[in-house]
């Protein structure tokens, strides 16, 4: 008697290289990290960490070597799960897109 092989659940697709326009918007941390905003300023894409008391740090986003990253006291990588619409930020955890 032959058993049917069950198919494993497909792994989540998390991308490290993607069009930056896909991640533009405001993102909220699920781990208590500062919120972030990703936008195009007319010449390049930027990421802004939003802290309390109207303090923000803005850094340019970069892509190379098959990864998306920025420098903020060292290289920080970003991965994007388009199925769940989540960002994974090295050292900061998961971020969920905030809709108005």
C-alpha atoms as a PDB file:
ATOM      1  CA  UNK A   1       0.000   0.000   0.000  1.00  0.00           C
ATOM      2  CA  UNK A   2       1.475   3.335  -1.064  1.00  0.00           C
ATOM      3  CA  UNK A   3       1.146   6.388   1.095  1.00  0.00           C
ATOM      4  CA  UNK A   4       0.496   9.729  -0.398  1.00  0.00           C
ATOM      5  CA  UNK A   5       3.338  12.084   0.241  1.00  0.00           C
ATOM      6  CA  UNK A   6       2.123  15.242   1.833  1.00  0.00           C
ATOM      7  CA  UNK A   7       3.577  18.414   0.464  1.00  0.00           C
ATOM      8  CA  UNK A   8       5.351  20.631   2.950  1.00  0.00           C
ATOM      9  CA  UNK A   9       4.016  24.106   3.497  1.00  0.00           C
ATOM     10  CA  UNK A  10       5.736  26.542   1.202  1.00  0.00           C
ATOM     11  CA  UNK A  11       8.299  28.694   2.966  1.00  0.00           C
ATOM     12  CA  UNK A  12       7.577  32.354   3.326  1.00  0.00           C
ATOM     13  CA  UNK A  13       9.167  34.392   0.579  1.00  0.00           C
ATOM     14  CA  UNK A  14      11.351  37.026   2.157  1.00  0.00           C
ATOM     15  CA  UNK A  15      13.275  39.116  -0.342  1.00  0.00           C
ATOM     16  CA  UNK A  16      16.511  40.966   0.302  1.00  0.00           C
ATOM     17  CA  UNK A  17      16.541  42.712  -3.100  1.00  0.00           C
ATOM     18  CA  UNK A  18      13.326  44.312  -4.389  1.00  0.00           C
ATOM     19  CA  UNK A  19      12.068  47.565  -5.952  1.00  0.00           C
ATOM     20  CA  UNK A  20      12.368  50.220  -3.232  1.00  0.00           C
ATOM     21  CA  UNK A  21       9.089  51.831  -4.310  1.00  0.00           C
ATOM     22  CA  UNK A  22       7.355  48.690  -2.955  1.00  0.00           C
ATOM     23  CA  UNK A  23       8.313  49.563   0.621  1.00  0.00           C
ATOM     24  CA  UNK A  24       7.589  53.301   0.630  1.00  0.00           C
ATOM     25  CA  UNK A  25       5.329  54.343   3.475  1.00  0.00           C
ATOM     26  CA  UNK A  26       5.175  54.389   7.248  1.00  0.00           C
ATOM     27  CA  UNK A  27       6.066  51.272   9.220  1.00  0.00           C
ATOM     28  CA  UNK A  28       5.426  50.384  12.877  1.00  0.00           C
ATOM     29  CA  UNK A  29       7.654  48.041  14.860  1.00  0.00           C
ATOM     30  CA  UNK A  30       6.178  44.905  16.392  1.00  0.00           C
ATOM     31  CA  UNK A  31       9.134  44.739  18.813  1.00  0.00           C
ATOM     32  CA  UNK A  32       9.063  48.211  20.368  1.00  0.00           C
ATOM     33  CA  UNK A  33      11.720  49.754  18.099  1.00  0.00           C
ATOM     34  CA  UNK A  34      11.279  53.261  16.675  1.00  0.00           C
ATOM     35  CA  UNK A  35       8.881  53.653  13.775  1.00  0.00           C
ATOM     36  CA  UNK A  36      10.268  54.176  10.288  1.00  0.00           C
ATOM     37  CA  UNK A  37       9.206  56.052   7.193  1.00  0.00           C
ATOM     38  CA  UNK A  38      10.555  55.187   3.735  1.00  0.00           C
ATOM     39  CA  UNK A  39      10.227  57.769   0.977  1.00  0.00           C
ATOM     40  CA  UNK A  40      11.744  59.106  -2.239  1.00  0.00           C
ATOM     41  CA  UNK A  41      13.056  62.654  -1.900  1.00  0.00           C
ATOM     42  CA  UNK A  42      13.303  63.368  -5.623  1.00  0.00           C
ATOM     43  CA  UNK A  43      16.781  61.966  -6.078  1.00  0.00           C
ATOM     44  CA  UNK A  44      17.015  58.839  -3.916  1.00  0.00           C
ATOM     45  CA  UNK A  45      15.135  56.621  -1.485  1.00  0.00           C
ATOM     46  CA  UNK A  46      15.591  57.371   2.197  1.00  0.00           C
ATOM     47  CA  UNK A  47      14.682  55.732   5.487  1.00  0.00           C
ATOM     48  CA  UNK A  48      13.804  57.822   8.512  1.00  0.00           C
ATOM     49  CA  UNK A  49      13.814  56.516  12.100  1.00  0.00           C
ATOM     50  CA  UNK A  50      11.120  58.376  14.035  1.00  0.00           C
ATOM     51  CA  UNK A  51      11.778  58.762  17.740  1.00  0.00           C
ATOM     52  CA  UNK A  52       9.670  60.439  20.416  1.00  0.00           C
ATOM     53  CA  UNK A  53       9.748  64.208  20.869  1.00  0.00           C
ATOM     54  CA  UNK A  54       9.851  64.902  17.111  1.00  0.00           C
ATOM     55  CA  UNK A  55      13.373  63.534  16.708  1.00  0.00           C
ATOM     56  CA  UNK A  56      14.189  61.734  13.469  1.00  0.00           C
ATOM     57  CA  UNK A  57      17.302  60.402  11.771  1.00  0.00           C
ATOM     58  CA  UNK A  58      17.292  60.057   7.990  1.00  0.00           C
ATOM     59  CA  UNK A  59      19.663  57.798   6.033  1.00  0.00           C
ATOM     60  CA  UNK A  60      19.869  56.857   2.346  1.00  0.00           C
ATOM     61  CA  UNK A  61      18.786  53.342   1.353  1.00  0.00           C
ATOM     62  CA  UNK A  62      21.213  51.372  -0.777  1.00  0.00           C
ATOM     63  CA  UNK A  63      21.090  48.170  -2.794  1.00  0.00           C
ATOM     64  CA  UNK A  64      24.044  46.065  -3.824  1.00  0.00           C
ATOM     65  CA  UNK A  65      25.417  42.531  -3.625  1.00  0.00           C
ATOM     66  CA  UNK A  66      21.808  41.247  -3.735  1.00  0.00           C
ATOM     67  CA  UNK A  67      20.775  42.996  -0.510  1.00  0.00           C
ATOM     68  CA  UNK A  68      18.994  46.169   0.602  1.00  0.00           C
ATOM     69  CA  UNK A  69      20.692  48.048   3.421  1.00  0.00           C
ATOM     70  CA  UNK A  70      21.563  51.350   5.062  1.00  0.00           C
ATOM     71  CA  UNK A  71      24.288  52.551   7.372  1.00  0.00           C
ATOM     72  CA  UNK A  72      23.306  53.656  10.875  1.00  0.00           C
ATOM     73  CA  UNK A  73      26.185  52.983  13.273  1.00  0.00           C
ATOM     74  CA  UNK A  74      27.050  50.041  10.990  1.00  0.00           C
ATOM     75  CA  UNK A  75      25.387  48.216   8.114  1.00  0.00           C
ATOM     76  CA  UNK A  76      21.736  47.300   8.716  1.00  0.00           C
ATOM     77  CA  UNK A  77      19.990  44.972   6.255  1.00  0.00           C
ATOM     78  CA  UNK A  78      16.329  45.065   5.256  1.00  0.00           C
ATOM     79  CA  UNK A  79      14.274  42.131   3.979  1.00  0.00           C
ATOM     80  CA  UNK A  80      10.716  42.382   2.678  1.00  0.00           C
ATOM     81  CA  UNK A  81       7.975  39.769   2.976  1.00  0.00           C
ATOM     82  CA  UNK A  82       5.523  40.869   0.294  1.00  0.00           C
ATOM     83  CA  UNK A  83       2.961  38.191   1.175  1.00  0.00           C
ATOM     84  CA  UNK A  84       2.528  39.493   4.742  1.00  0.00           C
ATOM     85  CA  UNK A  85       3.588  43.071   3.820  1.00  0.00           C
ATOM     86  CA  UNK A  86       6.244  43.055   6.552  1.00  0.00           C
ATOM     87  CA  UNK A  87       9.765  44.440   6.775  1.00  0.00           C
ATOM     88  CA  UNK A  88      12.501  42.611   8.643  1.00  0.00           C
ATOM     89  CA  UNK A  89      15.201  44.993   9.846  1.00  0.00           C
ATOM     90  CA  UNK A  90      18.443  43.566  11.256  1.00  0.00           C
ATOM     91  CA  UNK A  91      18.705  44.370  14.944  1.00  0.00           C
ATOM     92  CA  UNK A  92      15.265  46.009  15.080  1.00  0.00           C
ATOM     93  CA  UNK A  93      12.886  43.138  14.247  1.00  0.00           C
ATOM     94  CA  UNK A  94       9.649  43.052  12.259  1.00  0.00           C
ATOM     95  CA  UNK A  95       7.765  46.086  10.993  1.00  0.00           C
ATOM     96  CA  UNK A  96       4.183  46.223   9.790  1.00  0.00           C
ATOM     97  CA  UNK A  97       2.980  48.793   7.269  1.00  0.00           C
ATOM     98  CA  UNK A  98       0.688  51.455   8.754  1.00  0.00           C
ATOM     99  CA  UNK A  99      -2.226  52.539   6.589  1.00  0.00           C
ATOM    100  CA  UNK A 100      -4.048  55.847   7.042  1.00  0.00           C
END
